[in-house]
């Protein structure tokens, strides 16, 4: 399956995150840095997500996903332990032409989250065909190489 790597401009745009576990917690800081208006839908969340909600960085809706929750979303991340719920989120996103990342089934997603890092103001992103550990290893190698080279030319 071919992918098209793209830089999403999410500032001020609604992003829905379904699931309050560690996978989604890791993805939230970059979404916040991008200026996304984030809603997390989950009956429970990690302490890190809870702190983000308490600081007003995102909105936490304390319940299970319901049909209609994705209305107006530009981008969706779903990572729950319930495959049926993940499929329902994915179907709703597809029906409204919203890209959806699925942590449980990358092959059924319409988007993948690249392994990213910033070096000298340059964002590096690596996709490895749905293999996140391989993408992370390649990202780390690129970052190490770029840092060894020194300051990147403008």
Protein backbone atom coordinates (compact mmCIF):
# COMPACT_ATOMS: atom_id res chain seq x y z
CA UNK A 1 0.00 0.00 0.00
CA UNK A 2 1.45 3.36 -0.99
CA UNK A 3 1.40 6.35 1.31
CA UNK A 4 1.68 10.06 0.75
CA UNK A 5 3.63 11.77 3.51
CA UNK A 6 2.10 15.16 4.26
CA UNK A 7 2.43 17.93 6.80
CA UNK A 8 -1.04 18.56 8.20
CA UNK A 9 -1.86 22.13 9.17
CA UNK A 10 -4.06 21.48 12.20
CA UNK A 11 -3.86 24.85 13.96
CA UNK A 12 -7.33 25.77 15.14
CA UNK A 13 -8.81 22.61 13.65
CA UNK A 14 -10.74 19.93 15.52
CA UNK A 15 -8.91 16.67 16.18
CA UNK A 16 -10.68 13.82 17.96
CA UNK A 17 -8.71 11.26 19.93
CA UNK A 18 -10.63 8.15 20.97
CA UNK A 19 -8.98 6.27 23.80
CA UNK A 20 -7.11 7.59 26.80
CA UNK A 21 -4.13 5.25 26.99
CA UNK A 22 -0.39 5.61 26.53
CA UNK A 23 -0.45 5.32 22.71
CA UNK A 24 -2.64 8.40 22.38
CA UNK A 25 -0.83 10.18 25.22
CA UNK A 26 2.43 9.94 23.23
CA UNK A 27 0.77 11.52 20.19
CA UNK A 28 -0.87 14.46 21.97
CA UNK A 29 2.14 16.76 22.53
CA UNK A 30 2.84 17.17 18.80
CA UNK A 31 -0.84 17.74 18.09
CA UNK A 32 -0.93 20.39 20.80
CA UNK A 33 2.26 21.97 19.42
CA UNK A 34 0.58 22.08 16.00
CA UNK A 35 -2.26 24.09 17.55
CA UNK A 36 -4.95 21.44 17.12
CA UNK A 37 -8.17 21.80 19.10
CA UNK A 38 -8.25 18.36 20.68
CA UNK A 39 -11.14 16.40 22.15
CA UNK A 40 -10.27 13.13 23.89
CA UNK A 41 -13.14 10.67 24.24
CA UNK A 42 -12.51 7.97 26.83
CA UNK A 43 -14.06 6.85 30.11
CA UNK A 44 -10.58 6.85 31.69
CA UNK A 45 -7.29 8.46 30.71
CA UNK A 46 -3.65 8.31 31.77
CA UNK A 47 -2.46 10.75 34.38
CA UNK A 48 -0.62 12.66 31.63
CA UNK A 49 -3.78 13.17 29.57
CA UNK A 50 -5.65 14.12 32.73
CA UNK A 51 -3.05 16.82 33.47
CA UNK A 52 -3.40 18.17 29.91
CA UNK A 53 -7.17 18.36 30.41
CA UNK A 54 -6.81 20.08 33.80
CA UNK A 55 -4.48 22.67 32.23
CA UNK A 56 -7.08 23.34 29.53
CA UNK A 57 -4.88 22.07 26.71
CA UNK A 58 -7.58 19.69 25.51
CA UNK A 59 -11.15 18.69 26.28
CA UNK A 60 -11.75 15.29 27.87
CA UNK A 61 -15.19 13.76 27.32
CA UNK A 62 -15.45 11.05 30.01
CA UNK A 63 -17.37 8.33 28.26
CA UNK A 64 -17.19 5.74 25.50
CA UNK A 65 -17.26 6.80 21.83
CA UNK A 66 -20.70 7.40 20.31
CA UNK A 67 -21.74 7.81 16.69
CA UNK A 68 -21.62 11.50 15.83
CA UNK A 69 -18.57 12.25 18.02
CA UNK A 70 -16.43 12.95 14.96
CA UNK A 71 -18.62 15.72 13.55
CA UNK A 72 -16.42 18.55 12.32
CA UNK A 73 -13.16 16.68 12.92
CA UNK A 74 -10.29 17.14 10.48
CA UNK A 75 -8.26 14.25 11.87
CA UNK A 76 -8.96 11.30 14.16
CA UNK A 77 -6.76 9.02 16.25
CA UNK A 78 -8.26 5.86 17.70
CA UNK A 79 -6.48 3.54 20.11
CA UNK A 80 -8.78 1.60 22.39
CA UNK A 81 -8.72 -2.03 23.51
CA UNK A 82 -12.12 -2.54 21.84
CA UNK A 83 -11.74 -3.55 18.19
CA UNK A 84 -15.46 -3.07 17.55
CA UNK A 85 -15.27 0.52 18.82
CA UNK A 86 -12.13 1.15 16.75
CA UNK A 87 -13.91 -0.12 13.65
CA UNK A 88 -16.95 2.08 14.36
CA UNK A 89 -14.74 5.17 14.73
CA UNK A 90 -12.94 4.27 11.52
CA UNK A 91 -16.22 3.81 9.62
CA UNK A 92 -17.59 7.14 10.83
CA UNK A 93 -14.36 8.91 9.87
CA UNK A 94 -14.44 7.30 6.42
CA UNK A 95 -18.08 8.32 5.91
CA UNK A 96 -17.25 11.99 6.48
CA UNK A 97 -13.93 11.92 4.59
CA UNK A 98 -11.80 12.43 7.71
CA UNK A 99 -8.40 10.78 7.94
CA UNK A 100 -8.19 8.24 10.77
CA UNK A 101 -5.18 6.63 12.41
CA UNK A 102 -5.85 3.22 13.96
CA UNK A 103 -3.36 1.90 16.46
CA UNK A 104 -4.86 -1.61 16.39
CA UNK A 105 -5.02 -2.16 12.63
CA UNK A 106 -2.73 0.04 10.55
CA UNK A 107 -3.85 -1.74 7.38
CA UNK A 108 -7.44 -0.63 7.99
CA UNK A 109 -6.52 3.00 8.69
CA UNK A 110 -6.71 5.89 6.24
CA UNK A 111 -3.65 7.53 7.78
CA UNK A 112 -0.52 6.54 9.67
CA UNK A 113 1.38 8.57 12.22
CA UNK A 114 5.02 8.83 11.14
CA UNK A 115 7.90 8.48 13.58
CA UNK A 116 9.00 12.11 13.91
CA UNK A 117 11.75 14.24 15.35
CA UNK A 118 12.88 17.83 14.96
CA UNK A 119 16.49 18.62 14.16
CA UNK A 120 17.63 22.20 13.78
CA UNK A 121 14.11 23.40 12.96
CA UNK A 122 13.52 20.63 10.41
CA UNK A 123 10.79 18.07 11.08
CA UNK A 124 11.81 14.56 10.03
CA UNK A 125 9.05 12.00 9.47
CA UNK A 126 9.42 8.32 8.62
CA UNK A 127 6.75 5.88 7.52
CA UNK A 128 7.71 2.23 7.19
CA UNK A 129 4.67 0.54 5.72
CA UNK A 130 2.77 0.21 8.99
CA UNK A 131 5.78 -1.02 10.98
CA UNK A 132 6.18 1.59 13.74
CA UNK A 133 9.29 0.08 15.35
CA UNK A 134 11.12 0.05 12.04
CA UNK A 135 10.04 3.65 11.38
CA UNK A 136 11.31 4.71 14.83
CA UNK A 137 14.66 3.00 14.26
CA UNK A 138 15.08 4.72 10.89
CA UNK A 139 14.06 8.07 12.38
CA UNK A 140 16.65 7.67 15.13
CA UNK A 141 19.34 6.85 12.56
CA UNK A 142 18.42 9.94 10.49
CA UNK A 143 18.43 12.17 13.57
CA UNK A 144 21.81 10.83 14.70
CA UNK A 145 23.23 11.39 11.21
CA UNK A 146 21.86 14.93 10.97
CA UNK A 147 23.24 15.83 14.38
CA UNK A 148 26.64 14.42 13.43
CA UNK A 149 26.67 16.52 10.27
CA UNK A 150 26.01 19.64 12.30
CA UNK A 151 23.86 22.64 11.58
CA UNK A 152 21.68 22.14 8.55
CA UNK A 153 22.05 24.59 5.69
CA UNK A 154 19.17 27.00 5.20
